[in-house]
Amino acid sequence: MRKKLDVLCYEHHREMPPKVRSESTEPLLYVCPMPACRIRYESLGGYFIEPVDKEAQEILPHVLCPSDERPMYLAKVQAEKRSFRLWKCPECGSTRTNQEASSG
């Protein structure tokens, strides 16, 4: 069974609702609700940008879980501390902050 996650867009800090896929065995695809935002998240591959042009390359966050090496998703930000990011593993639920992620 697919479990819904509280995934945030790393650019807009808005919750990304899951998009229903045709195959029930596929992981949920999370889509930023902001108009024209192409940021997506999928638990097996992590964040990605929906391509418009095959030539375009963008820098994406790539935070891996220290326990199982799965791509983590942005779960929380703090308005009063703009640099704070809390990342969460979709598989085991482990968390880490951006300070922990950048140091290891």
PDB file of N, CA and C in Angstrom:
ATOM      1  N   MET A   1       0.834  -1.196   0.000  1.00  0.00           N
ATOM      2  CA  MET A   1       0.000   0.000   0.000  1.00  0.00           C
ATOM      3  C   MET A   1       0.874   1.253   0.000  1.00  0.00           C
ATOM      4  N   ARG A   2       0.480   2.238  -0.771  1.00  0.00           N
ATOM      5  CA  ARG A   2       1.232   3.479  -0.861  1.00  0.00           C
ATOM      6  C   ARG A   2       0.842   4.399   0.289  1.00  0.00           C
ATOM      7  N   LYS A   3       1.844   4.914   0.980  1.00  0.00           N
ATOM      8  CA  LYS A   3       1.616   5.797   2.115  1.00  0.00           C
ATOM      9  C   LYS A   3       1.810   7.241   1.672  1.00  0.00           C
ATOM     10  N   LYS A   4       0.834   8.112   1.991  1.00  0.00           N
ATOM     11  CA  LYS A   4       0.939   9.531   1.653  1.00  0.00           C
ATOM     12  C   LYS A   4       1.937  10.196   2.591  1.00  0.00           C
ATOM     13  N   LEU A   5       2.812  11.017   2.012  1.00  0.00           N
ATOM     14  CA  LEU A   5       3.824  11.746   2.767  1.00  0.00           C
ATOM     15  C   LEU A   5       3.486  13.233   2.755  1.00  0.00           C
ATOM     16  N   ASP A   6       4.013  13.980   3.704  1.00  0.00           N
ATOM     17  CA  ASP A   6       3.821  15.428   3.760  1.00  0.00           C
ATOM     18  C   ASP A   6       5.034  16.107   3.121  1.00  0.00           C
ATOM     19  N   VAL A   7       5.146  15.991   1.815  1.00  0.00           N
ATOM     20  CA  VAL A   7       6.288  16.484   1.057  1.00  0.00           C
ATOM     21  C   VAL A   7       6.121  17.970   0.756  1.00  0.00           C
ATOM     22  N   LEU A   8       7.199  18.748   0.965  1.00  0.00           N
ATOM     23  CA  LEU A   8       7.192  20.172   0.636  1.00  0.00           C
ATOM     24  C   LEU A   8       8.024  20.428  -0.612  1.00  0.00           C
ATOM     25  N   CYS A   9       7.596  21.383  -1.405  1.00  0.00           N
ATOM     26  CA  CYS A   9       8.385  21.847  -2.542  1.00  0.00           C
ATOM     27  C   CYS A   9       9.599  22.573  -1.961  1.00  0.00           C
ATOM     28  N   TYR A  10      10.800  22.203  -2.412  1.00  0.00           N
ATOM     29  CA  TYR A  10      11.995  22.815  -1.840  1.00  0.00           C
ATOM     30  C   TYR A  10      12.173  24.272  -2.259  1.00  0.00           C
ATOM     31  N   GLU A  11      11.473  24.707  -3.273  1.00  0.00           N
ATOM     32  CA  GLU A  11      11.580  26.104  -3.703  1.00  0.00           C
ATOM     33  C   GLU A  11      10.498  26.989  -3.098  1.00  0.00           C
ATOM     34  N   HIS A  12       9.261  26.515  -3.075  1.00  0.00           N
ATOM     35  CA  HIS A  12       8.131  27.323  -2.603  1.00  0.00           C
ATOM     36  C   HIS A  12       7.704  27.011  -1.170  1.00  0.00           C
ATOM     37  N   HIS A  13       8.215  25.924  -0.602  1.00  0.00           N
ATOM     38  CA  HIS A  13       7.884  25.499   0.757  1.00  0.00           C
ATOM     39  C   HIS A  13       6.391  25.260   0.945  1.00  0.00           C
ATOM     40  N   ARG A  14       5.718  24.852  -0.125  1.00  0.00           N
ATOM     41  CA  ARG A  14       4.297  24.524  -0.096  1.00  0.00           C
ATOM     42  C   ARG A  14       4.160  23.011  -0.120  1.00  0.00           C
ATOM     43  N   GLU A  15       3.109  22.493   0.541  1.00  0.00           N
ATOM     44  CA  GLU A  15       2.871  21.054   0.518  1.00  0.00           C
ATOM     45  C   GLU A  15       2.547  20.616  -0.908  1.00  0.00           C
ATOM     46  N   MET A  16       3.139  19.503  -1.280  1.00  0.00           N
ATOM     47  CA  MET A  16       2.957  18.956  -2.626  1.00  0.00           C
ATOM     48  C   MET A  16       1.967  17.795  -2.546  1.00  0.00           C
ATOM     49  N   PRO A  17       0.763  17.973  -3.065  1.00  0.00           N
ATOM     50  CA  PRO A  17      -0.207  16.879  -3.012  1.00  0.00           C
ATOM     51  C   PRO A  17       0.186  15.756  -3.975  1.00  0.00           C
ATOM     52  N   PRO A  18      -0.166  14.509  -3.625  1.00  0.00           N
ATOM     53  CA  PRO A  18       0.163  13.408  -4.537  1.00  0.00           C
ATOM     54  C   PRO A  18      -0.756  13.396  -5.746  1.00  0.00           C
ATOM     55  N   LYS A  19      -0.184  12.990  -6.856  1.00  0.00           N
ATOM     56  CA  LYS A  19      -0.929  12.846  -8.099  1.00  0.00           C
ATOM     57  C   LYS A  19      -1.219  11.353  -8.270  1.00  0.00           C
ATOM     58  N   VAL A  20      -2.462  11.014  -8.537  1.00  0.00           N
ATOM     59  CA  VAL A  20      -2.847   9.617  -8.695  1.00  0.00           C
ATOM     60  C   VAL A  20      -2.272   9.094 -10.003  1.00  0.00           C
ATOM     61  N   ARG A  21      -1.619   7.950  -9.915  1.00  0.00           N
ATOM     62  CA  ARG A  21      -1.058   7.304 -11.095  1.00  0.00           C
ATOM     63  C   ARG A  21      -1.957   6.145 -11.503  1.00  0.00           C
ATOM     64  N   SER A  22      -1.865   5.764 -12.746  1.00  0.00           N
ATOM     65  CA  SER A  22      -2.741   4.705 -13.261  1.00  0.00           C
ATOM     66  C   SER A  22      -2.434   3.346 -12.640  1.00  0.00           C
ATOM     67  N   GLU A  23      -1.166   3.055 -12.423  1.00  0.00           N
ATOM     68  CA  GLU A  23      -0.778   1.779 -11.814  1.00  0.00           C
ATOM     69  C   GLU A  23      -0.713   1.940 -10.299  1.00  0.00           C
ATOM     70  N   SER A  24      -1.484   1.120  -9.587  1.00  0.00           N
ATOM     71  CA  SER A  24      -1.516   1.236  -8.127  1.00  0.00           C
ATOM     72  C   SER A  24      -0.213   0.782  -7.482  1.00  0.00           C
ATOM     73  N   THR A  25       0.651   0.097  -8.228  1.00  0.00           N
ATOM     74  CA  THR A  25       1.921  -0.366  -7.673  1.00  0.00           C
ATOM     75  C   THR A  25       3.017   0.684  -7.775  1.00  0.00           C
ATOM     76  N   GLU A  26       2.796   1.735  -8.567  1.00  0.00           N
ATOM     77  CA  GLU A  26       3.787   2.796  -8.703  1.00  0.00           C
ATOM     78  C   GLU A  26       3.792   3.671  -7.458  1.00  0.00           C
ATOM     79  N   PRO A  27       4.976   4.173  -7.053  1.00  0.00           N
ATOM     80  CA  PRO A  27       5.005   5.106  -5.920  1.00  0.00           C
ATOM     81  C   PRO A  27       4.222   6.367  -6.265  1.00  0.00           C
ATOM     82  N   LEU A  28       3.719   7.046  -5.232  1.00  0.00           N
ATOM     83  CA  LEU A  28       2.996   8.293  -5.456  1.00  0.00           C
ATOM     84  C   LEU A  28       3.934   9.348  -6.036  1.00  0.00           C
ATOM     85  N   LEU A  29       3.401  10.174  -6.897  1.00  0.00           N
ATOM     86  CA  LEU A  29       4.133  11.288  -7.485  1.00  0.00           C
ATOM     87  C   LEU A  29       3.586  12.557  -6.859  1.00  0.00           C
ATOM     88  N   TYR A  30       4.464  13.347  -6.234  1.00  0.00           N
ATOM     89  CA  TYR A  30       4.058  14.591  -5.586  1.00  0.00           C
ATOM     90  C   TYR A  30       4.380  15.755  -6.509  1.00  0.00           C
ATOM     91  N   VAL A  31       3.425  16.695  -6.632  1.00  0.00           N
ATOM     92  CA  VAL A  31       3.516  17.790  -7.593  1.00  0.00           C
ATOM     93  C   VAL A  31       3.316  19.120  -6.861  1.00  0.00           C
ATOM     94  N   CYS A  32       4.207  20.069  -7.111  1.00  0.00           N
ATOM     95  CA  CYS A  32       4.061  21.390  -6.506  1.00  0.00           C
ATOM     96  C   CYS A  32       2.793  22.057  -7.040  1.00  0.00           C
ATOM     97  N   PRO A  33       1.974  22.656  -6.161  1.00  0.00           N
ATOM     98  CA  PRO A  33       0.723  23.280  -6.597  1.00  0.00           C
ATOM     99  C   PRO A  33       0.886  24.679  -7.195  1.00  0.00           C
ATOM    100  N   MET A  34       2.093  25.243  -7.124  1.00  0.00           N
ATOM    101  CA  MET A  34       2.295  26.594  -7.649  1.00  0.00           C
ATOM    102  C   MET A  34       2.253  26.574  -9.170  1.00  0.00           C
ATOM    103  N   PRO A  35       1.565  27.546  -9.775  1.00  0.00           N
ATOM    104  CA  PRO A  35       1.489  27.606 -11.240  1.00  0.00           C
ATOM    105  C   PRO A  35       2.887  27.647 -11.862  1.00  0.00           C
ATOM    106  N   ALA A  36       3.061  26.890 -12.890  1.00  0.00           N
ATOM    107  CA  ALA A  36       4.300  26.819 -13.674  1.00  0.00           C
ATOM    108  C   ALA A  36       5.482  26.172 -12.946  1.00  0.00           C
ATOM    109  N   CYS A  37       5.301  25.708 -11.723  1.00  0.00           N
ATOM    110  CA  CYS A  37       6.392  25.022 -11.028  1.00  0.00           C
ATOM    111  C   CYS A  37       6.450  23.582 -11.531  1.00  0.00           C
ATOM    112  N   ARG A  38       7.633  23.147 -11.906  1.00  0.00           N
ATOM    113  CA  ARG A  38       7.802  21.804 -12.449  1.00  0.00           C
ATOM    114  C   ARG A  38       8.483  20.855 -11.474  1.00  0.00           C
ATOM    115  N   ILE A  39       8.593  21.249 -10.209  1.00  0.00           N
ATOM    116  CA  ILE A  39       9.248  20.410  -9.205  1.00  0.00           C
ATOM    117  C   ILE A  39       8.324  19.268  -8.824  1.00  0.00           C
ATOM    118  N   ARG A  40       8.916  18.065  -8.801  1.00  0.00           N
ATOM    119  CA  ARG A  40       8.188  16.842  -8.459  1.00  0.00           C
ATOM    120  C   ARG A  40       9.016  16.053  -7.459  1.00  0.00           C
ATOM    121  N   TYR A  41       8.358  15.133  -6.731  1.00  0.00           N
ATOM    122  CA  TYR A  41       9.051  14.229  -5.818  1.00  0.00           C
ATOM    123  C   TYR A  41       8.439  12.844  -5.947  1.00  0.00           C
ATOM    124  N   GLU A  42       9.298  11.842  -5.969  1.00  0.00           N
ATOM    125  CA  GLU A  42       8.866  10.450  -6.014  1.00  0.00           C
ATOM    126  C   GLU A  42       9.795   9.697  -5.066  1.00  0.00           C
ATOM    127  N   SER A  43       9.246   8.857  -4.179  1.00  0.00           N
ATOM    128  CA  SER A  43      10.023   8.277  -3.083  1.00  0.00           C
ATOM    129  C   SER A  43      11.215   7.437  -3.524  1.00  0.00           C
ATOM    130  N   LEU A  44      11.177   6.825  -4.671  1.00  0.00           N
ATOM    131  CA  LEU A  44      12.307   6.015  -5.120  1.00  0.00           C
ATOM    132  C   LEU A  44      13.417   6.848  -5.750  1.00  0.00           C
ATOM    133  N   GLY A  45      13.061   7.917  -6.454  1.00  0.00           N
ATOM    134  CA  GLY A  45      14.064   8.705  -7.158  1.00  0.00           C
ATOM    135  C   GLY A  45      14.354  10.057  -6.555  1.00  0.00           C
ATOM    136  N   GLY A  46      13.520  10.517  -5.632  1.00  0.00           N
ATOM    137  CA  GLY A  46      13.726  11.823  -5.010  1.00  0.00           C
ATOM    138  C   GLY A  46      13.119  12.951  -5.828  1.00  0.00           C
ATOM    139  N   TYR A  47      13.627  14.164  -5.610  1.00  0.00           N
ATOM    140  CA  TYR A  47      13.127  15.339  -6.320  1.00  0.00           C
ATOM    141  C   TYR A  47      13.612  15.324  -7.765  1.00  0.00           C
ATOM    142  N   PHE A  48      12.779  15.836  -8.653  1.00  0.00           N
ATOM    143  CA  PHE A  48      13.195  16.047 -10.030  1.00  0.00           C
ATOM    144  C   PHE A  48      12.364  17.175 -10.622  1.00  0.00           C
ATOM    145  N   ILE A  49      12.848  17.697 -11.726  1.00  0.00           N
ATOM    146  CA  ILE A  49      12.157  18.762 -12.447  1.00  0.00           C
ATOM    147  C   ILE A  49      11.515  18.121 -13.667  1.00  0.00           C
ATOM    148  N   GLU A  50      10.218  18.330 -13.818  1.00  0.00           N
ATOM    149  CA  GLU A  50       9.549  17.818 -15.006  1.00  0.00           C
ATOM    150  C   GLU A  50      10.145  18.540 -16.209  1.00  0.00           C
ATOM    151  N   PRO A  51      10.730  17.804 -17.133  1.00  0.00           N
ATOM    152  CA  PRO A  51      11.442  18.467 -18.230  1.00  0.00           C
ATOM    153  C   PRO A  51      10.518  19.180 -19.207  1.00  0.00           C
ATOM    154  N   VAL A  52      10.980  20.323 -19.660  1.00  0.00           N
ATOM    155  CA  VAL A  52      10.317  21.057 -20.720  1.00  0.00           C
ATOM    156  C   VAL A  52      11.219  20.960 -21.952  1.00  0.00           C
ATOM    157  N   ASP A  53      12.497  21.018 -21.690  1.00  0.00           N
ATOM    158  CA  ASP A  53      13.510  20.996 -22.731  1.00  0.00           C
ATOM    159  C   ASP A  53      14.576  19.994 -22.298  1.00  0.00           C
ATOM    160  N   LYS A  54      14.920  19.061 -23.156  1.00  0.00           N
ATOM    161  CA  LYS A  54      15.900  18.025 -22.799  1.00  0.00           C
ATOM    162  C   LYS A  54      17.283  18.598 -22.541  1.00  0.00           C
ATOM    163  N   GLU A  55      17.562  19.793 -23.017  1.00  0.00           N
ATOM    164  CA  GLU A  55      18.857  20.432 -22.829  1.00  0.00           C
ATOM    165  C   GLU A  55      18.980  21.084 -21.450  1.00  0.00           C
ATOM    166  N   ALA A  56      17.847  21.445 -20.861  1.00  0.00           N
ATOM    167  CA  ALA A  56      17.875  22.189 -19.596  1.00  0.00           C
ATOM    168  C   ALA A  56      18.318  21.295 -18.450  1.00  0.00           C
ATOM    169  N   GLN A  57      19.223  21.809 -17.631  1.00  0.00           N
ATOM    170  CA  GLN A  57      19.659  21.101 -16.437  1.00  0.00           C
ATOM    171  C   GLN A  57      19.546  22.053 -15.261  1.00  0.00           C
ATOM    172  N   GLU A  58      19.018  21.528 -14.181  1.00  0.00           N
ATOM    173  CA  GLU A  58      18.847  22.357 -12.997  1.00  0.00           C
ATOM    174  C   GLU A  58      19.437  21.638 -11.793  1.00  0.00           C
ATOM    175  N   ILE A  59      19.854  22.406 -10.809  1.00  0.00           N
ATOM    176  CA  ILE A  59      20.417  21.825  -9.590  1.00  0.00           C
ATOM    177  C   ILE A  59      19.279  21.409  -8.678  1.00  0.00           C
ATOM    178  N   LEU A  60      19.330  20.163  -8.220  1.00  0.00           N
ATOM    179  CA  LEU A  60      18.287  19.612  -7.362  1.00  0.00           C
ATOM    180  C   LEU A  60      18.876  19.227  -6.017  1.00  0.00           C
ATOM    181  N   PRO A  61      18.076  19.288  -4.960  1.00  0.00           N
ATOM    182  CA  PRO A  61      18.576  18.794  -3.680  1.00  0.00           C
ATOM    183  C   PRO A  61      18.701  17.280  -3.753  1.00  0.00           C
ATOM    184  N   HIS A  62      19.757  16.753  -3.187  1.00  0.00           N
ATOM    185  CA  HIS A  62      19.967  15.310  -3.197  1.00  0.00           C
ATOM    186  C   HIS A  62      20.418  14.903  -1.797  1.00  0.00           C
ATOM    187  N   VAL A  63      19.458  14.799  -0.886  1.00  0.00           N
ATOM    188  CA  VAL A  63      19.736  14.441   0.498  1.00  0.00           C
ATOM    189  C   VAL A  63      19.341  12.984   0.669  1.00  0.00           C
ATOM    190  N   LEU A  64      20.323  12.153   1.066  1.00  0.00           N
ATOM    191  CA  LEU A  64      20.073  10.726   1.224  1.00  0.00           C
ATOM    192  C   LEU A  64      19.931  10.354   2.693  1.00  0.00           C
ATOM    193  N   CYS A  65      19.081   9.383   2.961  1.00  0.00           N
ATOM    194  CA  CYS A  65      18.891   8.869   4.316  1.00  0.00           C
ATOM    195  C   CYS A  65      20.168   8.163   4.762  1.00  0.00           C
ATOM    196  N   PRO A  66      20.655   8.466   5.961  1.00  0.00           N
ATOM    197  CA  PRO A  66      21.863   7.802   6.444  1.00  0.00           C
ATOM    198  C   PRO A  66      21.638   6.316   6.751  1.00  0.00           C
ATOM    199  N   SER A  67      20.383   5.915   6.934  1.00  0.00           N
ATOM    200  CA  SER A  67      20.087   4.519   7.273  1.00  0.00           C
ATOM    201  C   SER A  67      19.944   3.624   6.051  1.00  0.00           C
ATOM    202  N   ASP A  68      19.184   4.088   5.043  1.00  0.00           N
ATOM    203  CA  ASP A  68      18.896   3.203   3.917  1.00  0.00           C
ATOM    204  C   ASP A  68      19.237   3.796   2.548  1.00  0.00           C
ATOM    205  N   GLU A  69      19.863   4.996   2.540  1.00  0.00           N
ATOM    206  CA  GLU A  69      20.314   5.642   1.307  1.00  0.00           C
ATOM    207  C   GLU A  69      19.192   6.058   0.355  1.00  0.00           C
ATOM    208  N   ARG A  70      17.949   6.106   0.828  1.00  0.00           N
ATOM    209  CA  ARG A  70      16.835   6.585  -0.014  1.00  0.00           C
ATOM    210  C   ARG A  70      16.868   8.101  -0.080  1.00  0.00           C
ATOM    211  N   PRO A  71      16.396   8.671  -1.189  1.00  0.00           N
ATOM    212  CA  PRO A  71      16.300  10.132  -1.269  1.00  0.00           C
ATOM    213  C   PRO A  71      15.260  10.646  -0.259  1.00  0.00           C
ATOM    214  N   MET A  72      15.646  11.646   0.506  1.00  0.00           N
ATOM    215  CA  MET A  72      14.754  12.223   1.508  1.00  0.00           C
ATOM    216  C   MET A  72      13.957  13.369   0.897  1.00  0.00           C
ATOM    217  N   TYR A  73      12.831  13.702   1.538  1.00  0.00           N
ATOM    218  CA  TYR A  73      12.015  14.822   1.078  1.00  0.00           C
ATOM    219  C   TYR A  73      12.019  15.920   2.122  1.00  0.00           C
ATOM    220  N   LEU A  74      11.769  17.153   1.674  1.00  0.00           N
ATOM    221  CA  LEU A  74      11.694  18.298   2.568  1.00  0.00           C
ATOM    222  C   LEU A  74      10.377  18.219   3.326  1.00  0.00           C
ATOM    223  N   ALA A  75      10.453  18.135   4.650  1.00  0.00           N
ATOM    224  CA  ALA A  75       9.265  17.954   5.474  1.00  0.00           C
ATOM    225  C   ALA A  75       8.877  19.204   6.257  1.00  0.00           C
ATOM    226  N   LYS A  76       9.869  20.093   6.531  1.00  0.00           N
ATOM    227  CA  LYS A  76       9.546  21.257   7.347  1.00  0.00           C
ATOM    228  C   LYS A  76      10.560  22.366   7.107  1.00  0.00           C
ATOM    229  N   VAL A  77      10.051  23.607   7.128  1.00  0.00           N
ATOM    230  CA  VAL A  77      10.887  24.804   7.089  1.00  0.00           C
ATOM    231  C   VAL A  77      10.412  25.708   8.219  1.00  0.00           C
ATOM    232  N   GLN A  78      11.229  26.692   8.564  1.00  0.00           N
ATOM    233  CA  GLN A  78      10.849  27.636   9.618  1.00  0.00           C
ATOM    234  C   GLN A  78      10.961  29.054   9.076  1.00  0.00           C
ATOM    235  N   ALA A  79       9.872  29.793   9.154  1.00  0.00           N
ATOM    236  CA  ALA A  79       9.860  31.162   8.644  1.00  0.00           C
ATOM    237  C   ALA A  79      10.845  32.049   9.403  1.00  0.00           C
ATOM    238  N   GLU A  80      10.978  31.822  10.708  1.00  0.00           N
ATOM    239  CA  GLU A  80      11.861  32.675  11.513  1.00  0.00           C
ATOM    240  C   GLU A  80      13.334  32.313  11.335  1.00  0.00           C
ATOM    241  N   LYS A  81      13.631  31.145  10.816  1.00  0.00           N
ATOM    242  CA  LYS A  81      15.009  30.732  10.553  1.00  0.00           C
ATOM    243  C   LYS A  81      15.062  30.211   9.121  1.00  0.00           C
ATOM    244  N   ARG A  82      15.242  31.114   8.181  1.00  0.00           N
ATOM    245  CA  ARG A  82      15.113  30.800   6.753  1.00  0.00           C
ATOM    246  C   ARG A  82      16.056  29.701   6.270  1.00  0.00           C
ATOM    247  N   SER A  83      17.184  29.509   6.925  1.00  0.00           N
ATOM    248  CA  SER A  83      18.128  28.490   6.467  1.00  0.00           C
ATOM    249  C   SER A  83      17.775  27.082   6.958  1.00  0.00           C
ATOM    250  N   PHE A  84      16.820  26.960   7.876  1.00  0.00           N
ATOM    251  CA  PHE A  84      16.475  25.652   8.437  1.00  0.00           C
ATOM    252  C   PHE A  84      15.693  24.803   7.432  1.00  0.00           C
ATOM    253  N   ARG A  85      16.096  23.538   7.305  1.00  0.00           N
ATOM    254  CA  ARG A  85      15.380  22.547   6.495  1.00  0.00           C
ATOM    255  C   ARG A  85      15.384  21.229   7.265  1.00  0.00           C
ATOM    256  N   LEU A  86      14.214  20.599   7.373  1.00  0.00           N
ATOM    257  CA  LEU A  86      14.121  19.274   7.988  1.00  0.00           C
ATOM    258  C   LEU A  86      13.767  18.297   6.875  1.00  0.00           C
ATOM    259  N   TRP A  87      14.615  17.296   6.688  1.00  0.00           N
ATOM    260  CA  TRP A  87      14.430  16.287   5.651  1.00  0.00           C
ATOM    261  C   TRP A  87      13.973  14.986   6.299  1.00  0.00           C
ATOM    262  N   LYS A  88      13.126  14.231   5.601  1.00  0.00           N
ATOM    263  CA  LYS A  88      12.581  12.994   6.158  1.00  0.00           C
ATOM    264  C   LYS A  88      12.666  11.871   5.126  1.00  0.00           C
ATOM    265  N   CYS A  89      12.955  10.665   5.604  1.00  0.00           N
ATOM    266  CA  CYS A  89      13.043   9.490   4.736  1.00  0.00           C
ATOM    267  C   CYS A  89      11.638   8.919   4.512  1.00  0.00           C
ATOM    268  N   PRO A  90      11.260   8.653   3.251  1.00  0.00           N
ATOM    269  CA  PRO A  90       9.930   8.107   2.985  1.00  0.00           C
ATOM    270  C   PRO A  90       9.786   6.655   3.428  1.00  0.00           C
ATOM    271  N   GLU A  91      10.907   5.963   3.615  1.00  0.00           N
ATOM    272  CA  GLU A  91      10.865   4.545   3.952  1.00  0.00           C
ATOM    273  C   GLU A  91      10.891   4.315   5.461  1.00  0.00           C
ATOM    274  N   CYS A  92      11.933   4.811   6.131  1.00  0.00           N
ATOM    275  CA  CYS A  92      12.096   4.500   7.561  1.00  0.00           C
ATOM    276  C   CYS A  92      11.664   5.631   8.485  1.00  0.00           C
ATOM    277  N   GLY A  93      11.410   6.834   7.940  1.00  0.00           N
ATOM    278  CA  GLY A  93      10.956   7.948   8.768  1.00  0.00           C
ATOM    279  C   GLY A  93      12.073   8.711   9.452  1.00  0.00           C
ATOM    280  N   SER A  94      13.338   8.342   9.209  1.00  0.00           N
ATOM    281  CA  SER A  94      14.461   9.072   9.803  1.00  0.00           C
ATOM    282  C   SER A  94      14.434  10.525   9.335  1.00  0.00           C
ATOM    283  N   THR A  95      14.927  11.413  10.181  1.00  0.00           N
ATOM    284  CA  THR A  95      14.997  12.825   9.829  1.00  0.00           C
ATOM    285  C   THR A  95      16.410  13.326   9.967  1.00  0.00           C
ATOM    286  N   ARG A  96      16.698  14.398   9.257  1.00  0.00           N
ATOM    287  CA  ARG A  96      17.974  15.110   9.422  1.00  0.00           C
ATOM    288  C   ARG A  96      17.763  16.539   8.972  1.00  0.00           C
ATOM    289  N   THR A  97      18.563  17.421   9.511  1.00  0.00           N
ATOM    290  CA  THR A  97      18.468  18.829   9.134  1.00  0.00           C
ATOM    291  C   THR A  97      19.469  19.123   8.026  1.00  0.00           C
ATOM    292  N   ASN A  98      19.351  20.303   7.411  1.00  0.00           N
ATOM    293  CA  ASN A  98      20.297  20.649   6.365  1.00  0.00           C
ATOM    294  C   ASN A  98      21.721  20.748   6.896  1.00  0.00           C
ATOM    295  N   GLN A  99      21.902  21.103   8.162  1.00  0.00           N
ATOM    296  CA  GLN A  99      23.243  21.151   8.733  1.00  0.00           C
ATOM    297  C   GLN A  99      23.846  19.742   8.806  1.00  0.00           C
ATOM    298  N   GLU A 100      23.049  18.759   9.210  1.00  0.00           N
ATOM    299  CA  GLU A 100      23.518  17.374   9.270  1.00  0.00           C
ATOM    300  C   GLU A 100      23.803  16.846   7.867  1.00  0.00           C
ATOM    301  N   ALA A 101      22.940  17.185   6.926  1.00  0.00           N
ATOM    302  CA  ALA A 101      23.086  16.697   5.545  1.00  0.00           C
ATOM    303  C   ALA A 101      24.345  17.255   4.899  1.00  0.00           C
ATOM    304  N   SER A 102      24.667  18.514   5.166  1.00  0.00           N
ATOM    305  CA  SER A 102      25.839  19.117   4.525  1.00  0.00           C
ATOM    306  C   SER A 102      27.137  18.674   5.186  1.00  0.00           C
ATOM    307  N   SER A 103      27.090  18.225   6.427  1.00  0.00           N
ATOM    308  CA  SER A 103      28.308  17.803   7.098  1.00  0.00           C
ATOM    309  C   SER A 103      28.604  16.324   6.905  1.00  0.00           C
ATOM    310  N   GLY A 104      27.655  15.576   6.374  1.00  0.00           N
ATOM    311  CA  GLY A 104      27.932  14.150   6.243  1.00  0.00           C
ATOM    312  C   GLY A 104      27.255  13.650   5.081  1.00  0.00           C
TER     313      GLY A 104
END
